[in-house]
Amino acid sequence: MTHYSRSELSPPELDAEVPDWNNCYDPTLVNCFTPQENPKLHDSNVSLNTVFEKLLEHYGPQDWWPGDSPLEIMIGAVLTQNTSWKNVEKAIANLKEASLMHLERLHKTKVEELAEIIRPSGYYRLKAKRLSNLVDYAMTRYDGDLEWMFSHDVTSLREELVAINGIGPETADSILLYAGNKETFVVDTYTARILKRHGWIEWEADYHQIQDHFVSQVPAEVEHYNEFHALIVRTGNEFCRKTPKCDGCPLECYLPAGGILEPE
């Protein structure tokens, strides 16, 4: 399995849990059209399925997400906020060494003790509270039975997850897709950045609008959502950073005339 750093691959959610997508762009970049100036913003005929095939051809299968169990993936989804996957792996290794890769044991662990164990993940006190909230939810609502938990429909389960303090839409969807094998597409900063820079979606589009844009075009299959998200993250990590590196990007051929789009 290929492991990539999720901090490099997928910028974490902010404390407010709703990313400010437009802050991901550098308006000082030159030779860029604004959305109003670019004639291709609303008439692009490039489908997301074409984008997927292009990325898959370029990178090959990504085999995401690393994790030995649904619980480990859930923990990783919380710990990966604002840090690299290497740091998450260190924190998870600490949890395993402390025999805490178990819901009931985690539930009995004090937040202060948990914070020290996951210290390598950064923002460890905040993450300990968030992880504790998630564990408490799984224990009290589902008696620690993740199979029972993930047997519920994706809509109601997602509503429950985002109601947990510290669990935003990206974390919730990561848990649903990768731990629960639910048909939900994960939107991260790279997803928004790539779509907006190519003129494939409006600048003011929020998380749910971007997610709906994908769901309306691509096959509603867990494996497909998983692979597409991983490919986007790989592209964002290597090319579509805050300061873009368009030369050699597999999506360079789809850029609007005049180069990438940036907000005014």
C-alpha atoms as a PDB file:
ATOM      1  CA  MET A   1       0.000   0.000   0.000  1.00  0.00           C
ATOM      2  CA  THR A   2       1.276   3.458  -0.887  1.00  0.00           C
ATOM      3  CA  HIS A   3       1.293   5.796   2.109  1.00  0.00           C
ATOM      4  CA  TYR A   4       1.296   9.555   1.660  1.00  0.00           C
ATOM      5  CA  SER A   5       1.404  12.364   4.197  1.00  0.00           C
ATOM      6  CA  ARG A   6      -2.147  13.538   4.734  1.00  0.00           C
ATOM      7  CA  SER A   7      -0.988  16.939   5.923  1.00  0.00           C
ATOM      8  CA  GLU A   8       0.782  17.414   2.603  1.00  0.00           C
ATOM      9  CA  LEU A   9      -1.943  15.651   0.698  1.00  0.00           C
ATOM     10  CA  SER A  10      -4.969  17.106   2.384  1.00  0.00           C
ATOM     11  CA  PRO A  11      -4.764  20.404   4.301  1.00  0.00           C
ATOM     12  CA  PRO A  12      -6.539  19.974   7.648  1.00  0.00           C
ATOM     13  CA  GLU A  13      -9.738  21.575   8.791  1.00  0.00           C
ATOM     14  CA  LEU A  14      -9.603  24.727  10.853  1.00  0.00           C
ATOM     15  CA  ASP A  15     -10.933  24.993  14.404  1.00  0.00           C
ATOM     16  CA  ALA A  16     -14.160  26.384  12.979  1.00  0.00           C
ATOM     17  CA  GLU A  17     -14.390  23.102  11.033  1.00  0.00           C
ATOM     18  CA  VAL A  18     -15.540  24.928   7.879  1.00  0.00           C
ATOM     19  CA  PRO A  19     -12.595  25.729   5.596  1.00  0.00           C
ATOM     20  CA  ASP A  20     -12.434  29.221   4.121  1.00  0.00           C
ATOM     21  CA  TRP A  21     -11.777  27.997   0.616  1.00  0.00           C
ATOM     22  CA  ASN A  22     -10.865  31.356  -0.883  1.00  0.00           C
ATOM     23  CA  ASN A  23      -8.060  31.842   1.618  1.00  0.00           C
ATOM     24  CA  CYS A  24      -6.290  28.943  -0.064  1.00  0.00           C
ATOM     25  CA  TYR A  25      -5.327  31.105  -3.007  1.00  0.00           C
ATOM     26  CA  ASP A  26      -2.589  33.647  -3.576  1.00  0.00           C
ATOM     27  CA  PRO A  27      -4.100  36.743  -5.230  1.00  0.00           C
ATOM     28  CA  THR A  28      -0.622  38.148  -5.916  1.00  0.00           C
ATOM     29  CA  LEU A  29      -0.006  35.654  -8.705  1.00  0.00           C
ATOM     30  CA  VAL A  30       0.400  37.346 -12.077  1.00  0.00           C
ATOM     31  CA  ASN A  31      -0.933  36.498 -15.528  1.00  0.00           C
ATOM     32  CA  CYS A  32      -4.170  35.109 -14.117  1.00  0.00           C
ATOM     33  CA  PHE A  33      -7.690  35.847 -15.223  1.00  0.00           C
ATOM     34  CA  THR A  34     -10.369  36.659 -12.697  1.00  0.00           C
ATOM     35  CA  PRO A  35     -13.608  34.659 -12.898  1.00  0.00           C
ATOM     36  CA  GLN A  36     -15.308  37.645 -14.528  1.00  0.00           C
ATOM     37  CA  GLU A  37     -12.607  37.992 -17.202  1.00  0.00           C
ATOM     38  CA  ASN A  38     -12.351  34.349 -18.160  1.00  0.00           C
ATOM     39  CA  PRO A  39     -14.740  33.314 -20.935  1.00  0.00           C
ATOM     40  CA  LYS A  40     -14.308  29.613 -20.147  1.00  0.00           C
ATOM     41  CA  LEU A  41     -15.558  29.809 -16.565  1.00  0.00           C
ATOM     42  CA  HIS A  42     -19.119  28.813 -17.370  1.00  0.00           C
ATOM     43  CA  ASP A  43     -18.726  26.851 -20.607  1.00  0.00           C
ATOM     44  CA  SER A  44     -16.052  24.295 -19.765  1.00  0.00           C
ATOM     45  CA  ASN A  45     -16.992  20.929 -21.240  1.00  0.00           C
ATOM     46  CA  VAL A  46     -14.456  18.939 -19.254  1.00  0.00           C
ATOM     47  CA  SER A  47     -16.291  16.330 -17.214  1.00  0.00           C
ATOM     48  CA  LEU A  48     -15.059  15.115 -13.849  1.00  0.00           C
ATOM     49  CA  ASN A  49     -14.983  11.604 -15.270  1.00  0.00           C
ATOM     50  CA  THR A  50     -12.474  12.826 -17.851  1.00  0.00           C
ATOM     51  CA  VAL A  51     -10.445  14.424 -15.070  1.00  0.00           C
ATOM     52  CA  PHE A  52     -10.488  11.156 -13.143  1.00  0.00           C
ATOM     53  CA  GLU A  53      -9.270   9.140 -16.124  1.00  0.00           C
ATOM     54  CA  LYS A  54      -6.520  11.667 -16.787  1.00  0.00           C
ATOM     55  CA  LEU A  55      -5.269  11.522 -13.201  1.00  0.00           C
ATOM     56  CA  LEU A  56      -5.523   7.743 -13.005  1.00  0.00           C
ATOM     57  CA  GLU A  57      -3.545   7.392 -16.219  1.00  0.00           C
ATOM     58  CA  HIS A  58      -0.862   9.729 -14.882  1.00  0.00           C
ATOM     59  CA  TYR A  59      -0.510   8.422 -11.312  1.00  0.00           C
ATOM     60  CA  GLY A  60      -2.023   4.958 -11.260  1.00  0.00           C
ATOM     61  CA  PRO A  61      -4.099   3.605  -8.333  1.00  0.00           C
ATOM     62  CA  GLN A  62      -3.333   5.238  -4.977  1.00  0.00           C
ATOM     63  CA  ASP A  63      -4.597   2.524  -2.582  1.00  0.00           C
ATOM     64  CA  TRP A  64      -5.900   4.837   0.124  1.00  0.00           C
ATOM     65  CA  TRP A  65      -6.511   5.068   3.160  1.00  0.00           C
ATOM     66  CA  PRO A  66      -3.730   3.582   5.364  1.00  0.00           C
ATOM     67  CA  GLY A  67      -5.162   1.954   8.482  1.00  0.00           C
ATOM     68  CA  ASP A  68      -5.451  -1.483  10.036  1.00  0.00           C
ATOM     69  CA  SER A  69      -9.040  -1.151  11.262  1.00  0.00           C
ATOM     70  CA  PRO A  70     -12.079   1.158  11.117  1.00  0.00           C
ATOM     71  CA  LEU A  71     -11.180   2.468  14.570  1.00  0.00           C
ATOM     72  CA  GLU A  72      -7.632   3.305  13.496  1.00  0.00           C
ATOM     73  CA  ILE A  73      -8.972   5.146  10.454  1.00  0.00           C
ATOM     74  CA  MET A  74     -11.407   7.102  12.634  1.00  0.00           C
ATOM     75  CA  ILE A  75      -8.601   8.060  14.988  1.00  0.00           C
ATOM     76  CA  GLY A  76      -6.388   9.023  12.072  1.00  0.00           C
ATOM     77  CA  ALA A  77      -9.130  11.232  10.624  1.00  0.00           C
ATOM     78  CA  VAL A  78      -9.076  13.306  13.803  1.00  0.00           C
ATOM     79  CA  LEU A  79      -5.325  13.294  14.390  1.00  0.00           C
ATOM     80  CA  THR A  80      -4.439  14.297  10.824  1.00  0.00           C
ATOM     81  CA  GLN A  81      -5.845  17.804  11.289  1.00  0.00           C
ATOM     82  CA  ASN A  82      -2.990  20.333  11.077  1.00  0.00           C
ATOM     83  CA  THR A  83      -0.153  17.829  10.910  1.00  0.00           C
ATOM     84  CA  SER A  84       1.703  15.387   8.667  1.00  0.00           C
ATOM     85  CA  TRP A  85       0.769  11.742   8.364  1.00  0.00           C
ATOM     86  CA  LYS A  86       4.206  10.837   9.711  1.00  0.00           C
ATOM     87  CA  ASN A  87       3.273  12.562  12.959  1.00  0.00           C
ATOM     88  CA  VAL A  88      -0.083  10.800  12.973  1.00  0.00           C
ATOM     89  CA  GLU A  89       1.693   7.460  12.587  1.00  0.00           C
ATOM     90  CA  LYS A  90       3.837   8.267  15.627  1.00  0.00           C
ATOM     91  CA  ALA A  91       0.754   9.103  17.670  1.00  0.00           C
ATOM     92  CA  ILE A  92      -1.036   5.944  16.529  1.00  0.00           C
ATOM     93  CA  ALA A  93       2.059   3.902  17.383  1.00  0.00           C
ATOM     94  CA  ASN A  94       1.927   5.406  20.877  1.00  0.00           C
ATOM     95  CA  LEU A  95      -1.725   4.431  21.192  1.00  0.00           C
ATOM     96  CA  LYS A  96      -0.941   0.879  20.135  1.00  0.00           C
ATOM     97  CA  GLU A  97       1.978   0.674  22.553  1.00  0.00           C
ATOM     98  CA  ALA A  98      -0.358   1.806  25.326  1.00  0.00           C
ATOM     99  CA  SER A  99      -2.907  -0.831  24.222  1.00  0.00           C
ATOM    100  CA  LEU A 100      -5.415   1.921  23.495  1.00  0.00           C
ATOM    101  CA  MET A 101      -6.433   0.937  19.980  1.00  0.00           C
ATOM    102  CA  HIS A 102      -9.665  -0.179  21.583  1.00  0.00           C
ATOM    103  CA  LEU A 103     -12.825   1.878  22.050  1.00  0.00           C
ATOM    104  CA  GLU A 104     -13.626   0.818  25.607  1.00  0.00           C
ATOM    105  CA  ARG A 105     -10.070   1.461  26.817  1.00  0.00           C
ATOM    106  CA  LEU A 106      -9.974   4.805  25.058  1.00  0.00           C
ATOM    107  CA  HIS A 107     -13.281   5.687  26.670  1.00  0.00           C
ATOM    108  CA  LYS A 108     -11.824   5.051  30.116  1.00  0.00           C
ATOM    109  CA  THR A 109      -8.682   7.092  29.439  1.00  0.00           C
ATOM    110  CA  LYS A 110      -8.553  10.616  30.838  1.00  0.00           C
ATOM    111  CA  VAL A 111      -8.264  13.377  28.271  1.00  0.00           C
ATOM    112  CA  GLU A 112      -5.051  14.641  29.875  1.00  0.00           C
ATOM    113  CA  GLU A 113      -3.436  11.220  29.605  1.00  0.00           C
ATOM    114  CA  LEU A 114      -4.659  10.784  26.047  1.00  0.00           C
ATOM    115  CA  ALA A 115      -3.202  14.171  25.111  1.00  0.00           C
ATOM    116  CA  GLU A 116       0.284  13.115  26.188  1.00  0.00           C
ATOM    117  CA  ILE A 117       0.043   9.876  24.248  1.00  0.00           C
ATOM    118  CA  ILE A 118      -0.944  11.621  21.014  1.00  0.00           C
ATOM    119  CA  ARG A 119       1.472  14.530  21.534  1.00  0.00           C
ATOM    120  CA  PRO A 120       3.408  13.807  18.281  1.00  0.00           C
ATOM    121  CA  SER A 121       0.294  14.698  16.263  1.00  0.00           C
ATOM    122  CA  GLY A 122       0.454  18.346  17.315  1.00  0.00           C
ATOM    123  CA  TYR A 123      -2.370  20.397  18.843  1.00  0.00           C
ATOM    124  CA  TYR A 124      -2.561  17.361  21.074  1.00  0.00           C
ATOM    125  CA  ARG A 125      -4.733  18.854  23.818  1.00  0.00           C
ATOM    126  CA  LEU A 126      -7.376  19.973  21.340  1.00  0.00           C
ATOM    127  CA  LYS A 127      -7.207  16.696  19.435  1.00  0.00           C
ATOM    128  CA  ALA A 128      -7.464  14.690  22.638  1.00  0.00           C
ATOM    129  CA  LYS A 129     -10.751  16.444  23.396  1.00  0.00           C
ATOM    130  CA  ARG A 130     -12.017  15.877  19.876  1.00  0.00           C
ATOM    131  CA  LEU A 131     -10.986  12.244  19.872  1.00  0.00           C
ATOM    132  CA  SER A 132     -12.549  11.773  23.292  1.00  0.00           C
ATOM    133  CA  ASN A 133     -15.789  13.287  21.988  1.00  0.00           C
ATOM    134  CA  LEU A 134     -15.804  10.873  19.048  1.00  0.00           C
ATOM    135  CA  VAL A 135     -15.082   7.875  21.264  1.00  0.00           C
ATOM    136  CA  ASP A 136     -17.753   8.931  23.755  1.00  0.00           C
ATOM    137  CA  TYR A 137     -20.263   9.163  20.909  1.00  0.00           C
ATOM    138  CA  ALA A 138     -19.423   5.673  19.617  1.00  0.00           C
ATOM    139  CA  MET A 139     -19.611   4.193  23.106  1.00  0.00           C
ATOM    140  CA  THR A 140     -22.784   5.884  24.318  1.00  0.00           C
ATOM    141  CA  ARG A 141     -24.738   5.848  21.053  1.00  0.00           C
ATOM    142  CA  TYR A 142     -23.631   2.456  19.728  1.00  0.00           C
ATOM    143  CA  ASP A 143     -22.194   0.702  22.764  1.00  0.00           C
ATOM    144  CA  GLY A 144     -18.789   0.619  21.075  1.00  0.00           C
ATOM    145  CA  ASP A 145     -20.102  -1.472  18.185  1.00  0.00           C
ATOM    146  CA  LEU A 146     -18.708   0.126  15.026  1.00  0.00           C
ATOM    147  CA  GLU A 147     -20.344  -2.465  12.799  1.00  0.00           C
ATOM    148  CA  TRP A 148     -23.709  -1.426  14.204  1.00  0.00           C
ATOM    149  CA  MET A 149     -22.762   2.226  13.865  1.00  0.00           C
ATOM    150  CA  PHE A 150     -21.806   1.909  10.199  1.00  0.00           C
ATOM    151  CA  SER A 151     -24.922  -0.132   9.426  1.00  0.00           C
ATOM    152  CA  HIS A 152     -26.933   3.091   9.586  1.00  0.00           C
ATOM    153  CA  ASP A 153     -27.639   5.102   6.470  1.00  0.00           C
ATOM    154  CA  VAL A 154     -25.028   7.648   5.446  1.00  0.00           C
ATOM    155  CA  THR A 155     -27.281  10.698   5.789  1.00  0.00           C
ATOM    156  CA  SER A 156     -28.334  10.150   9.386  1.00  0.00           C
ATOM    157  CA  LEU A 157     -24.883   8.959  10.416  1.00  0.00           C
ATOM    158  CA  ARG A 158     -23.252  12.016   8.882  1.00  0.00           C
ATOM    159  CA  GLU A 159     -25.646  14.286  10.770  1.00  0.00           C
ATOM    160  CA  GLU A 160     -24.663  12.561  13.989  1.00  0.00           C
ATOM    161  CA  LEU A 161     -20.941  12.861  13.285  1.00  0.00           C
ATOM    162  CA  VAL A 162     -20.932  16.566  12.415  1.00  0.00           C
ATOM    163  CA  ALA A 163     -22.925  17.215  15.589  1.00  0.00           C
ATOM    164  CA  ILE A 164     -19.909  16.039  17.605  1.00  0.00           C
ATOM    165  CA  ASN A 165     -17.791  18.919  18.858  1.00  0.00           C
ATOM    166  CA  GLY A 166     -14.611  18.980  16.773  1.00  0.00           C
ATOM    167  CA  ILE A 167     -15.855  16.855  13.883  1.00  0.00           C
ATOM    168  CA  GLY A 168     -16.346  18.910  10.740  1.00  0.00           C
ATOM    169  CA  PRO A 169     -17.654  17.839   7.339  1.00  0.00           C
ATOM    170  CA  GLU A 170     -14.280  16.720   5.984  1.00  0.00           C
ATOM    171  CA  THR A 171     -13.480  14.609   9.042  1.00  0.00           C
ATOM    172  CA  ALA A 172     -16.988  13.151   9.065  1.00  0.00           C
ATOM    173  CA  ASP A 173     -16.853  12.254   5.387  1.00  0.00           C
ATOM    174  CA  SER A 174     -13.378  10.747   5.782  1.00  0.00           C
ATOM    175  CA  ILE A 175     -14.713   8.524   8.557  1.00  0.00           C
ATOM    176  CA  LEU A 176     -17.761   7.556   6.516  1.00  0.00           C
ATOM    177  CA  LEU A 177     -15.890   6.812   3.297  1.00  0.00           C
ATOM    178  CA  TYR A 178     -12.717   5.182   4.571  1.00  0.00           C
ATOM    179  CA  ALA A 179     -13.808   3.584   7.854  1.00  0.00           C
ATOM    180  CA  GLY A 180     -17.462   2.923   7.071  1.00  0.00           C
ATOM    181  CA  ASN A 181     -17.256   2.251   3.320  1.00  0.00           C
ATOM    182  CA  LYS A 182     -20.086   4.709   2.790  1.00  0.00           C
ATOM    183  CA  GLU A 183     -20.786   6.456  -0.497  1.00  0.00           C
ATOM    184  CA  THR A 184     -19.754  10.012   0.339  1.00  0.00           C
ATOM    185  CA  PHE A 185     -17.159  12.163  -1.376  1.00  0.00           C
ATOM    186  CA  VAL A 186     -14.504  13.866   0.752  1.00  0.00           C
ATOM    187  CA  VAL A 187     -13.851  17.493  -0.168  1.00  0.00           C
ATOM    188  CA  ASP A 188     -10.610  19.082   0.957  1.00  0.00           C
ATOM    189  CA  THR A 189      -8.793  22.308   0.161  1.00  0.00           C
ATOM    190  CA  TYR A 190      -7.081  20.763  -2.848  1.00  0.00           C
ATOM    191  CA  THR A 191     -10.428  19.747  -4.317  1.00  0.00           C
ATOM    192  CA  ALA A 192     -11.752  23.294  -4.102  1.00  0.00           C
ATOM    193  CA  ARG A 193      -8.500  24.797  -5.336  1.00  0.00           C
ATOM    194  CA  ILE A 194      -8.232  22.581  -8.417  1.00  0.00           C
ATOM    195  CA  LEU A 195     -11.856  23.052  -9.442  1.00  0.00           C
ATOM    196  CA  LYS A 196     -11.809  26.806  -8.968  1.00  0.00           C
ATOM    197  CA  ARG A 197      -8.465  27.395 -10.631  1.00  0.00           C
ATOM    198  CA  HIS A 198      -9.652  25.524 -13.714  1.00  0.00           C
ATOM    199  CA  GLY A 199     -12.974  27.354 -13.791  1.00  0.00           C
ATOM    200  CA  TRP A 200     -15.014  24.221 -13.169  1.00  0.00           C
ATOM    201  CA  ILE A 201     -16.996  25.649 -10.268  1.00  0.00           C
ATOM    202  CA  GLU A 202     -17.971  29.048  -8.915  1.00  0.00           C
ATOM    203  CA  TRP A 203     -15.629  30.816  -6.504  1.00  0.00           C
ATOM    204  CA  GLU A 204     -18.229  31.145  -3.770  1.00  0.00           C
ATOM    205  CA  ALA A 205     -19.008  27.405  -3.760  1.00  0.00           C
ATOM    206  CA  ASP A 206     -18.881  25.947  -0.251  1.00  0.00           C
ATOM    207  CA  TYR A 207     -18.071  22.424   0.929  1.00  0.00           C
ATOM    208  CA  HIS A 208     -21.488  20.978   0.217  1.00  0.00           C
ATOM    209  CA  GLN A 209     -21.823  22.625  -3.184  1.00  0.00           C
ATOM    210  CA  ILE A 210     -18.465  21.211  -4.245  1.00  0.00           C
ATOM    211  CA  GLN A 211     -19.463  17.803  -2.916  1.00  0.00           C
ATOM    212  CA  ASP A 212     -22.772  17.951  -4.803  1.00  0.00           C
ATOM    213  CA  HIS A 213     -20.855  18.878  -7.960  1.00  0.00           C
ATOM    214  CA  PHE A 214     -18.883  15.635  -7.702  1.00  0.00           C
ATOM    215  CA  VAL A 215     -21.804  13.460  -6.692  1.00  0.00           C
ATOM    216  CA  SER A 216     -23.834  14.675  -9.677  1.00  0.00           C
ATOM    217  CA  GLN A 217     -21.140  13.614 -12.161  1.00  0.00           C
ATOM    218  CA  VAL A 218     -19.150  10.637 -10.941  1.00  0.00           C
ATOM    219  CA  PRO A 219     -20.286   7.056 -10.213  1.00  0.00           C
ATOM    220  CA  ALA A 220     -21.652   6.677  -6.684  1.00  0.00           C
ATOM    221  CA  GLU A 221     -19.237   3.932  -5.690  1.00  0.00           C
ATOM    222  CA  VAL A 222     -17.086   3.766  -2.570  1.00  0.00           C
ATOM    223  CA  GLU A 223     -14.008   2.610  -4.474  1.00  0.00           C
ATOM    224  CA  HIS A 224     -14.430   5.360  -7.058  1.00  0.00           C
ATOM    225  CA  TYR A 225     -14.870   8.115  -4.455  1.00  0.00           C
ATOM    226  CA  ASN A 226     -11.858   6.779  -2.575  1.00  0.00           C
ATOM    227  CA  GLU A 227      -9.631   6.690  -5.638  1.00  0.00           C
ATOM    228  CA  PHE A 228     -10.754  10.047  -7.025  1.00  0.00           C
ATOM    229  CA  HIS A 229     -10.156  11.824  -3.730  1.00  0.00           C
ATOM    230  CA  ALA A 230      -6.708  10.273  -3.415  1.00  0.00           C
ATOM    231  CA  LEU A 231      -5.796  11.296  -6.965  1.00  0.00           C
ATOM    232  CA  ILE A 232      -6.911  14.873  -6.356  1.00  0.00           C
ATOM    233  CA  VAL A 233      -4.898  15.023  -3.162  1.00  0.00           C
ATOM    234  CA  ARG A 234      -1.839  13.669  -4.970  1.00  0.00           C
ATOM    235  CA  THR A 235      -2.241  16.337  -7.655  1.00  0.00           C
ATOM    236  CA  GLY A 236      -2.669  19.078  -5.081  1.00  0.00           C
ATOM    237  CA  ASN A 237       0.368  17.936  -3.158  1.00  0.00           C
ATOM    238  CA  GLU A 238       2.631  17.821  -6.191  1.00  0.00           C
ATOM    239  CA  PHE A 239       1.300  20.641  -8.361  1.00  0.00           C
ATOM    240  CA  CYS A 240      -1.688  22.640  -7.127  1.00  0.00           C
ATOM    241  CA  ARG A 241      -0.224  24.109  -3.967  1.00  0.00           C
ATOM    242  CA  LYS A 242      -0.859  27.652  -2.755  1.00  0.00           C
ATOM    243  CA  THR A 243       1.866  28.678  -5.185  1.00  0.00           C
ATOM    244  CA  PRO A 244       1.012  26.505  -8.189  1.00  0.00           C
ATOM    245  CA  LYS A 245       3.413  24.463 -10.255  1.00  0.00           C
ATOM    246  CA  CYS A 246       1.465  23.971 -13.469  1.00  0.00           C
ATOM    247  CA  ASP A 247       4.322  22.729 -15.642  1.00  0.00           C
ATOM    248  CA  GLY A 248       4.026  18.971 -15.885  1.00  0.00           C
ATOM    249  CA  CYS A 249       0.683  18.776 -14.077  1.00  0.00           C
ATOM    250  CA  PRO A 250      -1.614  16.180 -15.679  1.00  0.00           C
ATOM    251  CA  LEU A 251      -4.416  18.761 -15.629  1.00  0.00           C
ATOM    252  CA  GLU A 252      -2.370  21.531 -17.245  1.00  0.00           C
ATOM    253  CA  CYS A 253      -4.022  20.872 -20.595  1.00  0.00           C
ATOM    254  CA  TYR A 254      -7.388  21.859 -19.098  1.00  0.00           C
ATOM    255  CA  LEU A 255      -6.321  25.285 -17.838  1.00  0.00           C
ATOM    256  CA  PRO A 256      -8.319  28.257 -19.156  1.00  0.00           C
ATOM    257  CA  ALA A 257      -6.694  30.525 -21.711  1.00  0.00           C
ATOM    258  CA  GLY A 258      -4.325  32.843 -19.892  1.00  0.00           C
ATOM    259  CA  GLY A 259      -3.497  30.439 -17.103  1.00  0.00           C
ATOM    260  CA  ILE A 260      -4.987  29.489 -13.765  1.00  0.00           C
ATOM    261  CA  LEU A 261      -7.832  31.440 -12.236  1.00  0.00           C
ATOM    262  CA  GLU A 262      -7.371  33.252  -8.957  1.00  0.00           C
ATOM    263  CA  PRO A 263      -9.812  35.363  -6.931  1.00  0.00           C
ATOM    264  CA  GLU A 264      -9.747  39.111  -7.282  1.00  0.00           C
END
